[in-house]
Amino acid sequence: MDSGSRIVAVDDVPVDTTYIFTIEEVDSGDEKEAILLRDDDSIHGWLNYCQHYTHIKLDKGSGAEMRDGEIVCTNHAAYFEQDTGFCTFGPCEGAYLNEVDVSVDEGDVFLTDEDFEFVRQGPLEKDEIDLESKSNYKF
C-alpha cells in the first residue's frame, strides 16, 4: 500500500465511537471530513455528514455517539448502521451514509477510494459552513 494513503493503525480506531480524518476530493479539490468505525470483523469508512441535513456532522470532533452498533446523529436522532451506513430511524430513514473506501493491510488502515486523497488525521482545519444559517429550519 502507498504510505501516503495510510490513515491510522487499526488499534488506534476506537470500538465504541468514531475516528475522524480529512480527505480531499480528487475532482474538485474540496476537503471533507470522513470517519472510521471499527467492529469485530472490519473497519468501515463514511463521510462525516448526516443524510438529513448534509452539513451536520456525526462526529463533531470528539467521536460520534454510538448506540447498539449504530451511529447516532445528535442533531436529528437519526440512527445509521455502522457496517452498511443505512439509516434505520429518524428523518432520513432509508437513506445511506456516503461510503469512503478503506482497507486494512498489516495492521494499518489505508484510504483506497479513488475519488479522494488522504490529507491528515483529525477534522477540517477551517470549516466554511455557515452554522448561523436559518436554512436548517423545517416548516
C-alpha atoms as a PDB file:
ATOM      1  CA  MET A   1       0.000   0.000   0.000  1.00  0.00           C
ATOM      2  CA  ASP A   2       1.064   3.590  -0.634  1.00  0.00           C
ATOM      3  CA  SER A   3       2.257   5.138   2.623  1.00  0.00           C
ATOM      4  CA  GLY A   4       0.657   8.463   1.597  1.00  0.00           C
ATOM      5  CA  SER A   5      -2.755   6.851   1.849  1.00  0.00           C
ATOM      6  CA  ARG A   6      -2.183   5.455   5.356  1.00  0.00           C
ATOM      7  CA  ILE A   7      -4.770   6.873   7.758  1.00  0.00           C
ATOM      8  CA  VAL A   8      -4.058   5.234  11.113  1.00  0.00           C
ATOM      9  CA  ALA A   9      -3.184   1.969  12.866  1.00  0.00           C
ATOM     10  CA  VAL A  10      -6.170  -0.332  13.333  1.00  0.00           C
ATOM     11  CA  ASP A  11      -5.503  -0.424  17.076  1.00  0.00           C
ATOM     12  CA  ASP A  12      -5.996   3.376  17.222  1.00  0.00           C
ATOM     13  CA  VAL A  13      -9.537   3.193  15.779  1.00  0.00           C
ATOM     14  CA  PRO A  14     -11.912   3.079  18.769  1.00  0.00           C
ATOM     15  CA  VAL A  15     -14.507   0.325  19.067  1.00  0.00           C
ATOM     16  CA  ASP A  16     -17.222   2.397  20.751  1.00  0.00           C
ATOM     17  CA  THR A  17     -17.082   5.639  18.719  1.00  0.00           C
ATOM     18  CA  THR A  18     -15.556   7.069  15.535  1.00  0.00           C
ATOM     19  CA  TYR A  19     -12.149   8.187  14.296  1.00  0.00           C
ATOM     20  CA  ILE A  20     -12.154  11.409  12.255  1.00  0.00           C
ATOM     21  CA  PHE A  21      -9.830  12.335   9.377  1.00  0.00           C
ATOM     22  CA  THR A  22      -9.707  14.777   6.464  1.00  0.00           C
ATOM     23  CA  ILE A  23      -9.767  13.874   2.775  1.00  0.00           C
ATOM     24  CA  GLU A  24      -9.759  15.862  -0.466  1.00  0.00           C
ATOM     25  CA  GLU A  25     -11.996  15.220  -3.463  1.00  0.00           C
ATOM     26  CA  VAL A  26      -9.780  14.496  -6.473  1.00  0.00           C
ATOM     27  CA  ASP A  27     -12.062  16.237  -8.991  1.00  0.00           C
ATOM     28  CA  SER A  28     -12.925  19.421  -7.064  1.00  0.00           C
ATOM     29  CA  GLY A  29     -10.111  19.777  -4.540  1.00  0.00           C
ATOM     30  CA  ASP A  30     -12.714  20.259  -1.791  1.00  0.00           C
ATOM     31  CA  GLU A  31     -11.718  18.983   1.625  1.00  0.00           C
ATOM     32  CA  LYS A  32     -14.214  16.878   3.561  1.00  0.00           C
ATOM     33  CA  GLU A  33     -14.302  15.037   6.839  1.00  0.00           C
ATOM     34  CA  ALA A  34     -14.575  11.281   6.995  1.00  0.00           C
ATOM     35  CA  ILE A  35     -14.916   8.823   9.864  1.00  0.00           C
ATOM     36  CA  LEU A  36     -13.787   5.290  10.564  1.00  0.00           C
ATOM     37  CA  LEU A  37     -15.779   2.779  12.573  1.00  0.00           C
ATOM     38  CA  ARG A  38     -14.427  -0.477  13.887  1.00  0.00           C
ATOM     39  CA  ASP A  39     -16.403  -3.618  14.607  1.00  0.00           C
ATOM     40  CA  ASP A  40     -15.301  -7.145  15.413  1.00  0.00           C
ATOM     41  CA  ASP A  41     -14.500  -8.022  11.814  1.00  0.00           C
ATOM     42  CA  SER A  42     -13.571  -4.881   9.907  1.00  0.00           C
ATOM     43  CA  ILE A  43     -13.143  -1.132   9.541  1.00  0.00           C
ATOM     44  CA  HIS A  44     -15.791   0.977   7.773  1.00  0.00           C
ATOM     45  CA  GLY A  45     -15.359   4.460   6.286  1.00  0.00           C
ATOM     46  CA  TRP A  46     -18.063   7.097   5.789  1.00  0.00           C
ATOM     47  CA  LEU A  47     -18.229  10.793   5.051  1.00  0.00           C
ATOM     48  CA  ASN A  48     -18.878  12.597   8.338  1.00  0.00           C
ATOM     49  CA  TYR A  49     -22.241  14.094   7.389  1.00  0.00           C
ATOM     50  CA  CYS A  50     -25.828  13.199   8.293  1.00  0.00           C
ATOM     51  CA  GLN A  51     -28.148  12.497   5.371  1.00  0.00           C
ATOM     52  CA  HIS A  52     -30.982  14.649   6.755  1.00  0.00           C
ATOM     53  CA  TYR A  53     -29.089  17.929   6.530  1.00  0.00           C
ATOM     54  CA  THR A  54     -25.781  17.081   4.923  1.00  0.00           C
ATOM     55  CA  HIS A  55     -23.789  19.878   6.566  1.00  0.00           C
ATOM     56  CA  ILE A  56     -24.461  18.419  10.032  1.00  0.00           C
ATOM     57  CA  LYS A  57     -21.549  16.323  11.262  1.00  0.00           C
ATOM     58  CA  LEU A  58     -21.925  12.984  13.013  1.00  0.00           C
ATOM     59  CA  ASP A  59     -18.544  13.305  14.730  1.00  0.00           C
ATOM     60  CA  LYS A  60     -18.152  16.875  15.910  1.00  0.00           C
ATOM     61  CA  GLY A  61     -14.503  16.328  16.861  1.00  0.00           C
ATOM     62  CA  SER A  62     -14.673  14.097  19.922  1.00  0.00           C
ATOM     63  CA  GLY A  63     -16.184  10.940  18.435  1.00  0.00           C
ATOM     64  CA  ALA A  64     -19.733  10.248  17.301  1.00  0.00           C
ATOM     65  CA  GLU A  65     -22.292   8.914  19.710  1.00  0.00           C
ATOM     66  CA  MET A  66     -22.943   5.199  19.237  1.00  0.00           C
ATOM     67  CA  ARG A  67     -25.817   3.030  20.415  1.00  0.00           C
ATOM     68  CA  ASP A  68     -26.071  -0.735  19.833  1.00  0.00           C
ATOM     69  CA  GLY A  69     -23.752  -0.706  16.809  1.00  0.00           C
ATOM     70  CA  GLU A  70     -25.328   2.353  15.214  1.00  0.00           C
ATOM     71  CA  ILE A  71     -24.039   5.908  14.775  1.00  0.00           C
ATOM     72  CA  VAL A  72     -26.406   8.484  16.248  1.00  0.00           C
ATOM     73  CA  CYS A  73     -26.850  11.954  14.775  1.00  0.00           C
ATOM     74  CA  THR A  74     -27.236  14.049  17.899  1.00  0.00           C
ATOM     75  CA  ASN A  75     -28.937  16.832  15.921  1.00  0.00           C
ATOM     76  CA  HIS A  76     -31.748  14.767  14.414  1.00  0.00           C
ATOM     77  CA  ALA A  77     -31.764  11.492  16.386  1.00  0.00           C
ATOM     78  CA  ALA A  78     -31.129   9.560  13.190  1.00  0.00           C
ATOM     79  CA  TYR A  79     -29.517   6.116  13.561  1.00  0.00           C
ATOM     80  CA  PHE A  80     -27.125   4.655  10.960  1.00  0.00           C
ATOM     81  CA  GLU A  81     -25.840   1.074  10.895  1.00  0.00           C
ATOM     82  CA  GLN A  82     -22.062   1.202  11.290  1.00  0.00           C
ATOM     83  CA  ASP A  83     -21.377  -1.536   8.731  1.00  0.00           C
ATOM     84  CA  THR A  84     -23.831  -0.522   5.960  1.00  0.00           C
ATOM     85  CA  GLY A  85     -24.462   3.202   6.613  1.00  0.00           C
ATOM     86  CA  PHE A  86     -28.215   2.524   6.349  1.00  0.00           C
ATOM     87  CA  CYS A  87     -30.451   4.907   8.323  1.00  0.00           C
ATOM     88  CA  THR A  88     -32.774   2.746  10.433  1.00  0.00           C
ATOM     89  CA  PHE A  89     -34.557   5.566  12.291  1.00  0.00           C
ATOM     90  CA  GLY A  90     -35.052   9.312  12.048  1.00  0.00           C
ATOM     91  CA  PRO A  91     -35.957  11.945   9.480  1.00  0.00           C
ATOM     92  CA  CYS A  92     -33.714  10.389   6.797  1.00  0.00           C
ATOM     93  CA  GLU A  93     -34.837   6.789   7.411  1.00  0.00           C
ATOM     94  CA  GLY A  94     -33.979   4.631   4.394  1.00  0.00           C
ATOM     95  CA  ALA A  95     -31.042   6.803   3.278  1.00  0.00           C
ATOM     96  CA  TYR A  96     -27.401   5.704   3.343  1.00  0.00           C
ATOM     97  CA  LEU A  97     -24.257   7.462   4.522  1.00  0.00           C
ATOM     98  CA  ASN A  98     -21.755   8.164   1.745  1.00  0.00           C
ATOM     99  CA  GLU A  99     -19.108   5.454   1.806  1.00  0.00           C
ATOM    100  CA  VAL A 100     -15.380   6.103   1.743  1.00  0.00           C
ATOM    101  CA  ASP A 101     -13.423   3.033   0.632  1.00  0.00           C
ATOM    102  CA  VAL A 102     -10.762   1.914   3.081  1.00  0.00           C
ATOM    103  CA  SER A 103      -8.793  -1.296   3.558  1.00  0.00           C
ATOM    104  CA  VAL A 104      -6.605  -2.862   6.203  1.00  0.00           C
ATOM    105  CA  ASP A 105      -3.089  -4.048   5.481  1.00  0.00           C
ATOM    106  CA  GLU A 106      -0.614  -5.284   8.094  1.00  0.00           C
ATOM    107  CA  GLY A 107      -2.402  -3.573  10.963  1.00  0.00           C
ATOM    108  CA  ASP A 108      -2.899  -0.190   9.293  1.00  0.00           C
ATOM    109  CA  VAL A 109      -5.966   1.436   7.699  1.00  0.00           C
ATOM    110  CA  PHE A 110      -5.484   2.883   4.205  1.00  0.00           C
ATOM    111  CA  LEU A 111      -7.683   5.116   2.053  1.00  0.00           C
ATOM    112  CA  THR A 112      -8.381   3.154  -1.144  1.00  0.00           C
ATOM    113  CA  ASP A 113     -11.176   5.343  -2.558  1.00  0.00           C
ATOM    114  CA  GLU A 114     -10.131   6.660  -5.990  1.00  0.00           C
ATOM    115  CA  ASP A 115     -12.346   9.750  -5.557  1.00  0.00           C
ATOM    116  CA  PHE A 116     -10.372  11.036  -2.559  1.00  0.00           C
ATOM    117  CA  GLU A 117      -6.841  11.646  -1.338  1.00  0.00           C
ATOM    118  CA  PHE A 118      -5.823  11.461   2.308  1.00  0.00           C
ATOM    119  CA  VAL A 119      -4.979  14.893   3.775  1.00  0.00           C
ATOM    120  CA  ARG A 120      -4.488  14.431   7.531  1.00  0.00           C
ATOM    121  CA  GLN A 121      -5.754  12.868  10.727  1.00  0.00           C
ATOM    122  CA  GLY A 122      -8.367  14.961  12.507  1.00  0.00           C
ATOM    123  CA  PRO A 123     -11.132  17.327  11.367  1.00  0.00           C
ATOM    124  CA  LEU A 124     -11.074  20.116   8.797  1.00  0.00           C
ATOM    125  CA  GLU A 125      -8.755  22.907   9.845  1.00  0.00           C
ATOM    126  CA  LYS A 126     -11.212  25.552   8.672  1.00  0.00           C
ATOM    127  CA  ASP A 127     -14.894  24.865   8.185  1.00  0.00           C
ATOM    128  CA  GLU A 128     -16.563  27.074   5.580  1.00  0.00           C
ATOM    129  CA  ILE A 129     -20.113  26.104   6.585  1.00  0.00           C
ATOM    130  CA  ASP A 130     -22.291  28.891   7.959  1.00  0.00           C
ATOM    131  CA  LEU A 131     -23.831  27.296  11.036  1.00  0.00           C
ATOM    132  CA  GLU A 132     -25.704  30.521  11.829  1.00  0.00           C
ATOM    133  CA  SER A 133     -27.922  29.998   8.797  1.00  0.00           C
ATOM    134  CA  LYS A 134     -31.631  29.562   9.435  1.00  0.00           C
ATOM    135  CA  SER A 135     -31.860  27.193   6.453  1.00  0.00           C
ATOM    136  CA  ASN A 136     -31.826  24.265   8.902  1.00  0.00           C
ATOM    137  CA  TYR A 137     -35.345  25.057   9.969  1.00  0.00           C
ATOM    138  CA  LYS A 138     -38.132  22.921   8.542  1.00  0.00           C
ATOM    139  CA  PHE A 139     -41.589  24.427   8.214  1.00  0.00           C
END
